[in-house]
Amino acid sequence: MGIEALSRGAGPTTFVDSDPRAVEVVRGNLARTSMEASATVVAGDGSAQLDPGEEWDIVVLDPPYAFQDWERLLARAVGALSEQGVLVVESDREVPMPATLGVLRVKRYGGTVVTFAAATGGTC
């Protein structure tokens, strides 16, 4: 999703993955698309990048489908979203959103559920 966003004019983008192989795939794809100058690739825990002191316009959460700690992760993501920011959540099931987020859209693709949400009152 990040490379697609960059191809459509998104500003600086940070990619985070805990799997070293996935990190190398992202770096390779950025190089092949000549977009590496607009991207930062971090190996590690994605939630650690959601610093409440920094605001993000778009946050995409795509942890492994067996992930269970959604409440903690969503709280960190909400704290890092800009006022008009949008949260995109990918999972194998619908993930309950906190009261501070309004669901904009839910799309199902086979066994994947993608939820778009924004701060209550926000628009997409």
N, C-alpha and C. Protein backbone atom coordinates (compact mmCIF):
# COMPACT_ATOMS: atom_id res chain seq x y z
N MET A 1 0.82 -1.20 0.00
CA MET A 1 0.00 0.00 0.00
C MET A 1 0.86 1.26 0.00
N GLY A 2 1.99 1.19 0.70
CA GLY A 2 2.86 2.36 0.78
C GLY A 2 3.46 2.75 -0.55
N ILE A 3 3.90 1.76 -1.32
CA ILE A 3 4.48 2.07 -2.63
C ILE A 3 3.41 2.61 -3.57
N GLU A 4 2.21 2.07 -3.47
CA GLU A 4 1.10 2.60 -4.27
C GLU A 4 0.84 4.05 -3.88
N ALA A 5 0.85 4.36 -2.59
CA ALA A 5 0.63 5.73 -2.14
C ALA A 5 1.73 6.65 -2.68
N LEU A 6 2.98 6.21 -2.60
CA LEU A 6 4.08 7.00 -3.14
C LEU A 6 3.90 7.26 -4.63
N SER A 7 3.47 6.24 -5.37
CA SER A 7 3.30 6.39 -6.82
C SER A 7 2.20 7.39 -7.15
N ARG A 8 1.33 7.67 -6.19
CA ARG A 8 0.24 8.61 -6.41
C ARG A 8 0.49 9.96 -5.74
N GLY A 9 1.76 10.18 -5.32
CA GLY A 9 2.12 11.50 -4.82
C GLY A 9 2.21 11.67 -3.32
N ALA A 10 2.13 10.60 -2.55
CA ALA A 10 2.25 10.72 -1.09
C ALA A 10 3.63 11.27 -0.73
N GLY A 11 3.68 11.92 0.40
CA GLY A 11 4.94 12.45 0.90
C GLY A 11 5.78 11.33 1.50
N PRO A 12 6.80 11.70 2.24
CA PRO A 12 7.70 10.70 2.82
C PRO A 12 6.92 9.60 3.54
N THR A 13 7.35 8.37 3.30
CA THR A 13 6.63 7.20 3.80
C THR A 13 7.59 6.31 4.58
N THR A 14 7.13 5.80 5.70
CA THR A 14 7.93 4.88 6.51
C THR A 14 7.31 3.50 6.46
N PHE A 15 8.13 2.52 6.13
CA PHE A 15 7.71 1.12 6.08
C PHE A 15 8.36 0.42 7.26
N VAL A 16 7.58 -0.36 8.01
CA VAL A 16 8.12 -1.07 9.17
C VAL A 16 7.68 -2.52 9.12
N ASP A 17 8.63 -3.43 9.33
CA ASP A 17 8.30 -4.85 9.39
C ASP A 17 9.30 -5.54 10.29
N SER A 18 8.83 -6.50 11.05
CA SER A 18 9.72 -7.23 11.96
C SER A 18 10.42 -8.39 11.26
N ASP A 19 9.96 -8.77 10.09
CA ASP A 19 10.56 -9.87 9.35
C ASP A 19 11.66 -9.34 8.43
N PRO A 20 12.92 -9.73 8.68
CA PRO A 20 14.03 -9.21 7.86
C PRO A 20 13.85 -9.49 6.36
N ARG A 21 13.23 -10.61 6.02
CA ARG A 21 13.00 -10.91 4.60
C ARG A 21 12.03 -9.92 3.99
N ALA A 22 10.99 -9.59 4.72
CA ALA A 22 10.01 -8.61 4.23
C ALA A 22 10.65 -7.24 4.07
N VAL A 23 11.53 -6.87 5.00
CA VAL A 23 12.23 -5.59 4.91
C VAL A 23 13.05 -5.53 3.63
N GLU A 24 13.74 -6.61 3.31
CA GLU A 24 14.54 -6.65 2.08
C GLU A 24 13.67 -6.60 0.83
N VAL A 25 12.52 -7.24 0.86
CA VAL A 25 11.59 -7.18 -0.28
C VAL A 25 11.11 -5.75 -0.49
N VAL A 26 10.76 -5.06 0.60
CA VAL A 26 10.31 -3.67 0.48
C VAL A 26 11.43 -2.81 -0.09
N ARG A 27 12.64 -2.96 0.44
CA ARG A 27 13.77 -2.18 -0.08
C ARG A 27 13.98 -2.45 -1.57
N GLY A 28 13.91 -3.71 -1.97
CA GLY A 28 14.06 -4.06 -3.38
C GLY A 28 12.97 -3.45 -4.24
N ASN A 29 11.73 -3.52 -3.77
CA ASN A 29 10.61 -2.94 -4.54
C ASN A 29 10.74 -1.42 -4.64
N LEU A 30 11.19 -0.78 -3.58
CA LEU A 30 11.41 0.67 -3.64
C LEU A 30 12.49 1.02 -4.64
N ALA A 31 13.56 0.22 -4.67
CA ALA A 31 14.64 0.46 -5.63
C ALA A 31 14.15 0.26 -7.06
N ARG A 32 13.37 -0.82 -7.29
CA ARG A 32 12.87 -1.10 -8.64
C ARG A 32 11.91 -0.02 -9.13
N THR A 33 11.23 0.63 -8.22
CA THR A 33 10.28 1.67 -8.62
C THR A 33 10.90 3.07 -8.51
N SER A 34 12.19 3.13 -8.16
CA SER A 34 12.92 4.40 -8.00
C SER A 34 12.26 5.32 -6.98
N MET A 35 11.75 4.75 -5.90
CA MET A 35 11.08 5.55 -4.88
C MET A 35 11.79 5.51 -3.54
N GLU A 36 13.00 4.94 -3.50
CA GLU A 36 13.70 4.79 -2.23
C GLU A 36 14.04 6.12 -1.58
N ALA A 37 14.19 7.19 -2.35
CA ALA A 37 14.51 8.50 -1.78
C ALA A 37 13.36 9.07 -0.95
N SER A 38 12.14 8.61 -1.22
CA SER A 38 10.95 9.10 -0.51
C SER A 38 10.55 8.20 0.64
N ALA A 39 11.37 7.18 0.93
CA ALA A 39 10.94 6.18 1.91
C ALA A 39 12.03 5.90 2.93
N THR A 40 11.57 5.54 4.11
CA THR A 40 12.43 5.03 5.17
C THR A 40 11.94 3.63 5.46
N VAL A 41 12.86 2.68 5.54
CA VAL A 41 12.51 1.29 5.84
C VAL A 41 13.13 0.93 7.18
N VAL A 42 12.29 0.47 8.10
CA VAL A 42 12.72 0.15 9.45
C VAL A 42 12.44 -1.31 9.74
N ALA A 43 13.44 -2.01 10.26
CA ALA A 43 13.24 -3.39 10.72
C ALA A 43 12.92 -3.33 12.21
N GLY A 44 11.77 -3.84 12.59
CA GLY A 44 11.41 -3.83 14.00
C GLY A 44 9.92 -3.84 14.22
N ASP A 45 9.54 -3.54 15.44
CA ASP A 45 8.15 -3.53 15.86
C ASP A 45 7.47 -2.26 15.37
N GLY A 46 6.45 -2.41 14.55
CA GLY A 46 5.76 -1.26 13.99
C GLY A 46 5.14 -0.36 15.04
N SER A 47 4.65 -0.92 16.13
CA SER A 47 4.01 -0.07 17.14
C SER A 47 5.01 0.88 17.78
N ALA A 48 6.29 0.52 17.78
CA ALA A 48 7.31 1.40 18.34
C ALA A 48 7.48 2.66 17.51
N GLN A 49 7.06 2.64 16.26
CA GLN A 49 7.16 3.82 15.39
C GLN A 49 6.00 4.78 15.59
N LEU A 50 4.98 4.35 16.31
CA LEU A 50 3.79 5.18 16.52
C LEU A 50 3.98 6.06 17.75
N ASP A 51 4.92 6.96 17.67
CA ASP A 51 5.24 7.88 18.76
C ASP A 51 4.17 8.97 18.81
N PRO A 52 3.49 9.12 19.95
CA PRO A 52 2.45 10.16 20.04
C PRO A 52 2.98 11.57 19.79
N GLY A 53 4.30 11.76 19.86
CA GLY A 53 4.87 13.07 19.60
C GLY A 53 4.97 13.40 18.12
N GLU A 54 4.74 12.42 17.27
CA GLU A 54 4.82 12.63 15.83
C GLU A 54 3.46 12.29 15.22
N GLU A 55 2.99 13.12 14.30
CA GLU A 55 1.68 12.87 13.70
C GLU A 55 1.83 12.29 12.31
N TRP A 56 0.96 11.33 12.00
CA TRP A 56 0.94 10.66 10.71
C TRP A 56 -0.40 10.92 10.05
N ASP A 57 -0.40 11.15 8.74
CA ASP A 57 -1.64 11.36 8.01
C ASP A 57 -2.33 10.04 7.67
N ILE A 58 -1.52 9.02 7.43
CA ILE A 58 -2.07 7.69 7.14
C ILE A 58 -1.24 6.67 7.92
N VAL A 59 -1.92 5.81 8.63
CA VAL A 59 -1.26 4.71 9.33
C VAL A 59 -1.90 3.42 8.84
N VAL A 60 -1.09 2.53 8.31
CA VAL A 60 -1.57 1.22 7.85
C VAL A 60 -1.07 0.18 8.83
N LEU A 61 -2.00 -0.55 9.43
CA LEU A 61 -1.66 -1.63 10.36
C LEU A 61 -1.98 -2.96 9.71
N ASP A 62 -0.97 -3.80 9.56
CA ASP A 62 -1.14 -5.10 8.92
C ASP A 62 -0.30 -6.14 9.66
N PRO A 63 -0.61 -6.36 10.95
CA PRO A 63 0.15 -7.37 11.68
C PRO A 63 -0.24 -8.78 11.22
N PRO A 64 0.50 -9.79 11.65
CA PRO A 64 0.10 -11.16 11.29
C PRO A 64 -1.35 -11.42 11.69
N TYR A 65 -2.04 -12.23 10.92
CA TYR A 65 -3.46 -12.45 11.17
C TYR A 65 -3.74 -13.05 12.54
N ALA A 66 -2.80 -13.74 13.15
CA ALA A 66 -3.00 -14.32 14.48
C ALA A 66 -2.88 -13.26 15.59
N PHE A 67 -2.55 -12.03 15.23
CA PHE A 67 -2.35 -10.95 16.20
C PHE A 67 -3.59 -10.77 17.07
N GLN A 68 -3.39 -10.55 18.38
CA GLN A 68 -4.52 -10.41 19.30
C GLN A 68 -4.55 -9.08 20.06
N ASP A 69 -3.45 -8.35 20.13
CA ASP A 69 -3.36 -7.17 20.99
C ASP A 69 -3.83 -5.89 20.28
N TRP A 70 -4.98 -5.97 19.64
CA TRP A 70 -5.49 -4.84 18.86
C TRP A 70 -5.76 -3.61 19.72
N GLU A 71 -6.26 -3.80 20.91
CA GLU A 71 -6.61 -2.65 21.76
C GLU A 71 -5.39 -1.76 22.00
N ARG A 72 -4.26 -2.36 22.36
CA ARG A 72 -3.03 -1.60 22.61
C ARG A 72 -2.53 -0.95 21.32
N LEU A 73 -2.50 -1.72 20.23
CA LEU A 73 -1.99 -1.20 18.97
C LEU A 73 -2.85 -0.05 18.45
N LEU A 74 -4.16 -0.20 18.52
CA LEU A 74 -5.06 0.86 18.05
C LEU A 74 -4.92 2.12 18.90
N ALA A 75 -4.73 1.95 20.21
CA ALA A 75 -4.54 3.12 21.09
C ALA A 75 -3.29 3.89 20.67
N ARG A 76 -2.20 3.18 20.36
CA ARG A 76 -0.97 3.85 19.91
C ARG A 76 -1.20 4.53 18.56
N ALA A 77 -1.91 3.87 17.67
CA ALA A 77 -2.17 4.44 16.34
C ALA A 77 -3.02 5.70 16.45
N VAL A 78 -4.06 5.67 17.26
CA VAL A 78 -4.93 6.84 17.43
C VAL A 78 -4.11 8.01 17.96
N GLY A 79 -3.21 7.73 18.90
CA GLY A 79 -2.39 8.79 19.48
C GLY A 79 -1.41 9.39 18.49
N ALA A 80 -1.11 8.69 17.41
CA ALA A 80 -0.14 9.16 16.43
C ALA A 80 -0.79 9.74 15.16
N LEU A 81 -2.10 9.62 15.02
CA LEU A 81 -2.78 10.14 13.83
C LEU A 81 -2.91 11.66 13.88
N SER A 82 -2.72 12.30 12.73
CA SER A 82 -2.99 13.73 12.65
C SER A 82 -4.49 13.96 12.77
N GLU A 83 -4.88 15.20 12.92
CA GLU A 83 -6.30 15.52 13.12
C GLU A 83 -7.19 14.97 12.00
N GLN A 84 -6.71 15.03 10.77
CA GLN A 84 -7.47 14.51 9.63
C GLN A 84 -6.93 13.17 9.16
N GLY A 85 -6.13 12.51 10.00
CA GLY A 85 -5.49 11.25 9.62
C GLY A 85 -6.48 10.11 9.41
N VAL A 86 -6.03 9.14 8.63
CA VAL A 86 -6.83 7.96 8.32
C VAL A 86 -6.04 6.72 8.76
N LEU A 87 -6.75 5.82 9.37
CA LEU A 87 -6.17 4.55 9.80
C LEU A 87 -6.70 3.45 8.89
N VAL A 88 -5.80 2.60 8.40
CA VAL A 88 -6.17 1.46 7.57
C VAL A 88 -5.73 0.21 8.32
N VAL A 89 -6.66 -0.68 8.58
CA VAL A 89 -6.39 -1.90 9.34
C VAL A 89 -6.67 -3.11 8.46
N GLU A 90 -5.68 -3.98 8.32
CA GLU A 90 -5.87 -5.21 7.55
C GLU A 90 -5.77 -6.39 8.51
N SER A 91 -6.73 -7.29 8.41
CA SER A 91 -6.76 -8.47 9.27
C SER A 91 -7.57 -9.57 8.57
N ASP A 92 -7.67 -10.70 9.24
CA ASP A 92 -8.50 -11.78 8.71
C ASP A 92 -9.92 -11.71 9.27
N ARG A 93 -10.19 -10.66 10.05
CA ARG A 93 -11.51 -10.48 10.67
C ARG A 93 -11.74 -9.00 10.90
N GLU A 94 -12.98 -8.62 11.15
CA GLU A 94 -13.24 -7.23 11.50
C GLU A 94 -12.63 -6.95 12.87
N VAL A 95 -11.98 -5.83 12.99
CA VAL A 95 -11.33 -5.43 14.23
C VAL A 95 -12.17 -4.32 14.85
N PRO A 96 -12.64 -4.50 16.09
CA PRO A 96 -13.43 -3.45 16.73
C PRO A 96 -12.60 -2.17 16.90
N MET A 97 -13.15 -1.06 16.46
CA MET A 97 -12.47 0.22 16.57
C MET A 97 -12.81 0.90 17.89
N PRO A 98 -11.85 1.64 18.46
CA PRO A 98 -12.15 2.38 19.69
C PRO A 98 -13.15 3.49 19.41
N ALA A 99 -13.79 3.99 20.46
CA ALA A 99 -14.82 5.03 20.32
C ALA A 99 -14.28 6.30 19.69
N THR A 100 -12.97 6.51 19.76
CA THR A 100 -12.36 7.73 19.20
C THR A 100 -12.21 7.66 17.69
N LEU A 101 -12.53 6.51 17.10
CA LEU A 101 -12.45 6.34 15.65
C LEU A 101 -13.82 6.04 15.07
N GLY A 102 -14.08 6.62 13.94
CA GLY A 102 -15.29 6.30 13.19
C GLY A 102 -14.92 5.49 11.97
N VAL A 103 -15.63 4.41 11.74
CA VAL A 103 -15.36 3.56 10.58
C VAL A 103 -15.90 4.25 9.33
N LEU A 104 -15.02 4.42 8.35
CA LEU A 104 -15.40 5.04 7.09
C LEU A 104 -15.86 4.01 6.08
N ARG A 105 -15.17 2.85 6.09
CA ARG A 105 -15.48 1.81 5.11
C ARG A 105 -14.84 0.50 5.54
N VAL A 106 -15.51 -0.59 5.24
CA VAL A 106 -14.98 -1.92 5.46
C VAL A 106 -15.10 -2.68 4.14
N LYS A 107 -13.98 -3.24 3.69
CA LYS A 107 -13.97 -4.03 2.45
C LYS A 107 -13.44 -5.42 2.75
N ARG A 108 -14.09 -6.41 2.17
CA ARG A 108 -13.66 -7.80 2.31
C ARG A 108 -13.09 -8.27 0.97
N TYR A 109 -11.94 -8.92 1.05
CA TYR A 109 -11.28 -9.50 -0.12
C TYR A 109 -10.94 -10.93 0.23
N GLY A 110 -11.80 -11.87 -0.10
CA GLY A 110 -11.57 -13.26 0.29
C GLY A 110 -11.51 -13.36 1.80
N GLY A 111 -10.38 -13.82 2.34
CA GLY A 111 -10.21 -13.96 3.78
C GLY A 111 -9.62 -12.73 4.44
N THR A 112 -9.55 -11.62 3.72
CA THR A 112 -8.95 -10.40 4.26
C THR A 112 -10.03 -9.33 4.44
N VAL A 113 -9.96 -8.63 5.57
CA VAL A 113 -10.86 -7.53 5.86
C VAL A 113 -10.01 -6.26 6.02
N VAL A 114 -10.33 -5.24 5.24
CA VAL A 114 -9.62 -3.96 5.33
C VAL A 114 -10.62 -2.92 5.85
N THR A 115 -10.25 -2.26 6.95
CA THR A 115 -11.10 -1.26 7.57
C THR A 115 -10.42 0.11 7.47
N PHE A 116 -11.16 1.09 7.02
CA PHE A 116 -10.68 2.46 6.95
C PHE A 116 -11.41 3.24 8.05
N ALA A 117 -10.65 3.96 8.88
CA ALA A 117 -11.26 4.70 9.98
C ALA A 117 -10.56 6.03 10.14
N ALA A 118 -11.25 6.98 10.77
CA ALA A 118 -10.69 8.30 11.03
C ALA A 118 -11.18 8.76 12.40
N ALA A 119 -10.50 9.77 12.92
CA ALA A 119 -10.93 10.33 14.19
C ALA A 119 -12.41 10.69 14.06
N THR A 120 -13.16 10.45 15.10
CA THR A 120 -14.59 10.72 15.06
C THR A 120 -14.82 12.14 14.55
N GLY A 121 -15.61 12.26 13.51
CA GLY A 121 -15.86 13.54 12.89
C GLY A 121 -15.00 13.80 11.68
N GLY A 122 -13.95 12.97 11.48
CA GLY A 122 -13.07 13.14 10.32
C GLY A 122 -13.71 12.61 9.07
N THR A 123 -13.09 12.93 7.96
CA THR A 123 -13.58 12.44 6.67
C THR A 123 -12.43 11.86 5.90
N CYS A 124 -12.76 11.08 4.90
CA CYS A 124 -11.74 10.46 4.06
C CYS A 124 -11.95 10.89 2.63
